[in-house]
Amino acid sequence: MSLHRFPTRAVAAIVATALLALAAGCGSDETSTTTVTDGRADESGARRVEGIVTVFAAASLTDVFTELGEQFEEANPGATVEFSFGPSSGLVTQVLEGAPADVVATAAVSNMEDLVDGEVLDGDPVDFATNLLEIAVPAGNFGGVTGLDDLSDDGLLVALCAEEVPCGRFAREALAGSGVEPAIDSNEEDVRALLTKLEAGEVDVGIVYRTDVTAAGDAVEGIAIPDEQNVTATYPIAVADEATNAEGGRAFIDFVLSDDGLSALTGAGFGPP
């Protein structure tokens, strides 16, 4: 009995067709949900990153960035955000000297320009928020402060941020523009150090950001500075050129600029850029 032999090419074609049919049948039952965690989008279009994201940020961003960091970690289970908060001028010096930062956010454009000039950024900075100054006094306002003029009173303990810090520089601009020579008793390293003294009642009056008064709750009282006497602080953010997790840094910035991020900033009292 003779056997009929199929040509080799015909056999190959049949096998290939069968394998394709089998693959199609399996694919029709369910859709892959594999998530990519190397900075690319997964199949749903969502972006996922992992690893430590180190963020250097101005002290006035402490509360809102801590909140955003927690939300970012929830959206990226493989990621951890580590913050270093402080005066913008100090953070800039650290980055220029090679401190390991993935993201830098300052409370003044001039500080970020120092990083641009130092060629230590990966891409252009993006403005993401603004802030205004506000007079702050301990709860009860026992010094009877009503406006900027009172900061010239030698009988009050007056504190400002140090002159090289954005909140200190802006406060002095506002006072000079109003013709007020402040009777300064204390210069604080950043706005949170000043706020701590106000909360403890160690000074009678200071100038901080509007968002800091909001963050302090009932511990301090805020006294608005008229628009014509106020100074607007603009906050830029950027990825550091020597970032160890540049993809994570870019993802964090995207999150800050997202609707959720801008909503959190607005809720904390920041204005649009």
Protein backbone atom coordinates (compact mmCIF):
# COMPACT_ATOMS: atom_id res chain seq x y z
CA MET A 1 0.00 0.00 0.00
CA SER A 2 1.43 3.31 -1.00
CA LEU A 3 1.20 6.41 1.18
CA HIS A 4 0.33 9.80 -0.28
CA ARG A 5 2.92 12.44 0.78
CA PHE A 6 1.97 16.08 1.07
CA PRO A 7 4.50 18.56 -0.29
CA THR A 8 6.59 20.14 2.49
CA ARG A 9 5.26 23.65 1.76
CA ALA A 10 1.68 22.45 2.06
CA VAL A 11 2.33 20.88 5.47
CA ALA A 12 3.94 24.08 6.70
CA ALA A 13 0.99 26.14 5.54
CA ILE A 14 -1.50 23.86 7.31
CA VAL A 15 0.44 24.00 10.59
CA ALA A 16 0.75 27.77 10.44
CA THR A 17 -2.98 28.16 9.80
CA ALA A 18 -3.82 25.92 12.74
CA LEU A 19 -1.55 27.87 15.10
CA LEU A 20 -3.05 31.19 14.04
CA ALA A 21 -6.56 29.86 14.61
CA LEU A 22 -5.60 28.59 18.06
CA ALA A 23 -4.06 31.96 19.02
CA ALA A 24 -7.13 33.83 17.80
CA GLY A 25 -9.41 31.56 19.79
CA CYS A 26 -7.46 32.14 23.01
CA GLY A 27 -7.35 35.90 22.47
CA SER A 28 -11.10 36.13 22.06
CA ASP A 29 -11.75 34.94 25.61
CA GLU A 30 -9.91 37.65 27.55
CA THR A 31 -7.82 40.82 27.15
CA SER A 32 -4.30 41.09 28.53
CA THR A 33 -3.98 43.47 31.49
CA THR A 34 -0.22 43.40 31.88
CA THR A 35 1.07 46.72 33.31
CA VAL A 36 4.39 48.11 32.17
CA THR A 37 6.31 49.79 34.97
CA ASP A 38 9.28 51.28 33.17
CA GLY A 39 7.69 54.64 32.37
CA ARG A 40 5.73 53.52 29.30
CA ALA A 41 1.96 53.47 29.08
CA ASP A 42 0.15 50.23 29.85
CA GLU A 43 -2.56 48.87 27.53
CA SER A 44 -5.20 51.11 29.13
CA GLY A 45 -3.10 54.18 28.29
CA ALA A 46 -2.17 54.85 31.94
CA ARG A 47 1.44 55.74 32.67
CA ARG A 48 3.24 53.78 35.38
CA VAL A 49 6.67 54.33 36.91
CA GLU A 50 8.60 52.75 39.74
CA GLY A 51 11.58 53.39 41.98
CA ILE A 52 12.46 56.31 44.27
CA VAL A 53 11.62 59.80 42.99
CA THR A 54 13.59 62.45 44.89
CA VAL A 55 11.93 65.87 44.94
CA PHE A 56 13.61 69.06 46.19
CA ALA A 57 10.86 71.61 46.87
CA ALA A 58 10.37 75.03 48.45
CA ALA A 59 9.26 74.95 52.09
CA SER A 60 5.93 76.57 51.23
CA LEU A 61 5.05 73.48 49.17
CA THR A 62 5.41 71.11 52.15
CA ASP A 63 1.75 70.32 52.77
CA VAL A 64 0.42 70.18 49.23
CA PHE A 65 3.40 68.27 47.80
CA THR A 66 3.25 65.75 50.64
CA GLU A 67 -0.40 65.17 49.71
CA LEU A 68 0.44 64.90 46.00
CA GLY A 69 3.28 62.51 46.79
CA GLU A 70 0.88 60.15 48.54
CA GLN A 71 -1.53 60.29 45.61
CA PHE A 72 1.32 59.68 43.15
CA GLU A 73 2.42 56.60 45.09
CA GLU A 74 -1.14 55.26 45.08
CA ALA A 75 -1.25 55.65 41.30
CA ASN A 76 2.22 54.09 40.96
CA PRO A 77 2.48 51.24 43.50
CA GLY A 78 6.11 50.61 42.58
CA ALA A 79 7.17 54.20 43.21
CA THR A 80 8.23 56.05 46.37
CA VAL A 81 8.48 59.84 46.57
CA GLU A 82 11.13 61.24 48.90
CA PHE A 83 11.01 64.98 49.62
CA SER A 84 13.60 67.49 50.72
CA PHE A 85 11.86 70.75 51.69
CA GLY A 86 13.71 73.96 52.42
CA PRO A 87 14.49 77.50 51.27
CA SER A 88 14.65 77.76 47.49
CA SER A 89 18.08 79.38 47.57
CA GLY A 90 19.47 76.54 49.68
CA LEU A 91 17.97 73.86 47.46
CA VAL A 92 19.42 75.50 44.37
CA THR A 93 22.87 75.59 45.95
CA GLN A 94 22.62 71.89 46.78
CA VAL A 95 21.62 70.95 43.22
CA LEU A 96 24.41 73.10 41.73
CA GLU A 97 26.84 71.26 44.01
CA GLY A 98 25.61 67.88 42.77
CA ALA A 99 22.99 66.84 45.32
CA PRO A 100 20.94 63.86 44.00
CA ALA A 101 17.60 65.34 42.99
CA ASP A 102 15.20 64.11 40.32
CA VAL A 103 12.83 67.09 40.52
CA VAL A 104 13.33 70.68 41.70
CA ALA A 105 10.47 73.09 42.50
CA THR A 106 11.24 76.62 43.70
CA ALA A 107 9.15 79.51 45.00
CA ALA A 108 10.73 82.01 42.64
CA VAL A 109 11.62 82.08 38.96
CA SER A 110 14.95 83.75 39.75
CA ASN A 111 16.11 80.72 41.75
CA MET A 112 15.22 78.37 38.92
CA GLU A 113 17.08 80.63 36.48
CA ASP A 114 20.22 79.98 38.53
CA LEU A 115 19.80 76.28 37.72
CA VAL A 116 19.20 77.06 34.05
CA ASP A 117 22.35 79.18 33.96
CA GLY A 118 24.23 76.38 35.71
CA GLU A 119 23.09 73.93 33.00
CA VAL A 120 21.91 71.38 35.56
CA LEU A 121 18.37 70.86 34.28
CA ASP A 122 16.96 68.34 31.82
CA GLY A 123 14.60 70.43 29.72
CA ASP A 124 12.90 73.76 30.36
CA PRO A 125 11.22 74.58 33.69
CA VAL A 126 7.43 74.83 33.76
CA ASP A 127 5.49 77.32 35.93
CA PHE A 128 2.79 75.44 37.85
CA ALA A 129 1.44 77.78 40.56
CA THR A 130 1.47 81.27 42.06
CA ASN A 131 1.21 82.55 45.61
CA LEU A 132 0.61 85.84 47.43
CA LEU A 133 2.02 87.27 50.63
CA GLU A 134 -0.06 87.67 53.77
CA ILE A 135 0.60 89.21 57.17
CA ALA A 136 0.42 86.55 59.87
CA VAL A 137 -0.02 86.94 63.63
CA PRO A 138 -0.46 84.43 66.46
CA ALA A 139 -4.05 83.49 67.29
CA GLY A 140 -5.63 86.38 69.20
CA ASN A 141 -3.49 89.05 67.52
CA PHE A 142 -2.40 90.47 70.87
CA GLY A 143 -0.16 92.99 69.11
CA GLY A 144 -3.19 94.58 67.46
CA VAL A 145 -1.66 94.39 63.98
CA THR A 146 -3.84 95.76 61.17
CA GLY A 147 -1.51 96.27 58.21
CA LEU A 148 2.02 96.61 56.85
CA ASP A 149 2.63 99.88 58.70
CA ASP A 150 2.63 98.00 62.00
CA LEU A 151 5.80 96.14 61.04
CA SER A 152 7.73 99.38 61.71
CA ASP A 153 6.63 99.36 65.36
CA ASP A 154 9.64 98.85 67.65
CA GLY A 155 7.26 97.66 70.34
CA LEU A 156 6.36 94.54 68.38
CA LEU A 157 8.49 91.46 67.77
CA VAL A 158 8.73 91.37 63.97
CA ALA A 159 10.03 88.39 62.00
CA LEU A 160 10.65 87.95 58.28
CA CYS A 161 12.24 85.24 56.22
CA ALA A 162 15.91 85.83 55.51
CA GLU A 163 16.54 88.24 52.64
CA GLU A 164 18.06 85.59 50.34
CA VAL A 165 14.94 83.43 50.63
CA PRO A 166 12.05 84.20 48.22
CA CYS A 167 9.49 84.91 50.99
CA GLY A 168 11.99 87.28 52.63
CA ARG A 169 12.87 89.03 49.39
CA PHE A 170 9.23 89.43 48.38
CA ALA A 171 8.25 90.67 51.86
CA ARG A 172 10.90 93.36 51.71
CA GLU A 173 9.73 94.36 48.22
CA ALA A 174 6.17 94.74 49.51
CA LEU A 175 7.31 96.78 52.52
CA ALA A 176 9.61 99.01 50.45
CA GLY A 177 6.86 99.59 47.90
CA SER A 178 4.58 100.70 50.74
CA GLY A 179 7.21 103.00 52.25
CA VAL A 180 7.55 100.89 55.41
CA GLU A 181 10.89 100.40 57.16
CA PRO A 182 10.41 97.19 59.17
CA ALA A 183 11.76 96.86 62.71
CA ILE A 184 13.05 93.32 62.18
CA ASP A 185 13.85 91.29 65.28
CA SER A 186 14.35 87.90 63.62
CA ASN A 187 15.32 86.59 60.18
CA GLU A 188 14.21 82.98 59.63
CA GLU A 189 15.79 80.45 57.28
CA ASP A 190 12.52 79.70 55.46
CA VAL A 191 8.81 80.36 55.62
CA ARG A 192 8.04 77.26 57.70
CA ALA A 193 10.55 78.27 60.38
CA LEU A 194 8.83 81.66 60.55
CA LEU A 195 5.41 80.06 60.71
CA THR A 196 6.55 77.84 63.60
CA LYS A 197 7.54 80.92 65.63
CA LEU A 198 4.21 82.57 64.92
CA GLU A 199 2.29 79.46 65.96
CA ALA A 200 4.26 79.32 69.22
CA GLY A 201 3.66 83.02 69.91
CA GLU A 202 7.40 83.74 69.94
CA VAL A 203 6.94 86.74 67.63
CA ASP A 204 4.06 89.19 67.22
CA VAL A 205 3.91 89.48 63.45
CA GLY A 206 5.50 88.19 60.26
CA ILE A 207 4.93 87.99 56.52
CA VAL A 208 4.43 84.54 55.01
CA TYR A 209 2.55 83.18 52.02
CA ARG A 210 -1.22 83.01 51.95
CA THR A 211 -0.99 79.22 51.70
CA ASP A 212 1.01 79.05 54.95
CA VAL A 213 -1.71 80.88 56.83
CA THR A 214 -4.21 78.38 55.46
CA ALA A 215 -1.99 75.44 56.45
CA ALA A 216 -1.59 76.75 60.02
CA GLY A 217 -5.32 76.58 60.68
CA ASP A 218 -6.41 78.17 63.97
CA ALA A 219 -2.85 78.62 65.22
CA VAL A 220 -2.37 81.90 63.36
CA GLU A 221 -4.53 84.66 61.90
CA GLY A 222 -4.01 86.18 58.49
CA ILE A 223 -4.30 89.84 57.57
CA ALA A 224 -4.64 90.47 53.85
CA ILE A 225 -2.18 92.73 52.05
CA PRO A 226 -3.91 94.93 49.43
CA ASP A 227 -3.21 93.86 45.85
CA GLU A 228 -1.42 97.10 45.04
CA GLN A 229 1.04 96.44 47.89
CA ASN A 230 1.42 92.69 47.37
CA VAL A 231 3.98 90.67 45.43
CA THR A 232 3.18 87.53 43.45
CA ALA A 233 5.46 84.51 43.74
CA THR A 234 5.61 82.20 40.70
CA TYR A 235 6.59 78.56 41.21
CA PRO A 236 8.52 76.70 38.46
CA ILE A 237 9.36 72.97 38.41
CA ALA A 238 11.90 70.95 36.40
CA VAL A 239 13.76 67.65 36.12
CA ALA A 240 17.41 67.73 37.21
CA ASP A 241 20.00 66.88 34.58
CA GLU A 242 21.72 64.33 36.84
CA ALA A 243 18.45 62.69 37.91
CA THR A 244 18.78 59.01 38.81
CA ASN A 245 15.09 58.51 38.01
CA ALA A 246 14.39 61.02 35.25
CA GLU A 247 11.36 59.09 34.00
CA GLY A 248 9.89 59.09 37.50
CA GLY A 249 10.65 62.79 37.80
CA ARG A 250 8.87 63.60 34.57
CA ALA A 251 5.90 61.49 35.67
CA PHE A 252 5.73 63.39 38.99
CA ILE A 253 5.76 66.73 37.17
CA ASP A 254 3.00 65.49 34.86
CA PHE A 255 1.02 64.54 37.96
CA VAL A 256 1.49 68.02 39.49
CA LEU A 257 0.25 69.55 36.21
CA SER A 258 -2.71 67.16 35.95
CA ASP A 259 -6.27 68.12 36.89
CA ASP A 260 -5.87 66.34 40.23
CA GLY A 261 -2.61 68.12 40.92
CA LEU A 262 -3.94 71.56 40.04
CA SER A 263 -7.06 70.87 42.11
CA ALA A 264 -4.90 70.08 45.15
CA LEU A 265 -2.87 73.24 44.63
CA THR A 266 -6.01 75.35 44.34
CA GLY A 267 -7.43 73.76 47.48
CA ALA A 268 -4.26 74.69 49.35
CA GLY A 269 -4.64 78.34 48.33
CA PHE A 270 -2.25 78.53 45.38
CA GLY A 271 -3.24 80.42 42.27
CA PRO A 272 -2.81 79.45 38.62
CA PRO A 273 0.57 80.12 36.96
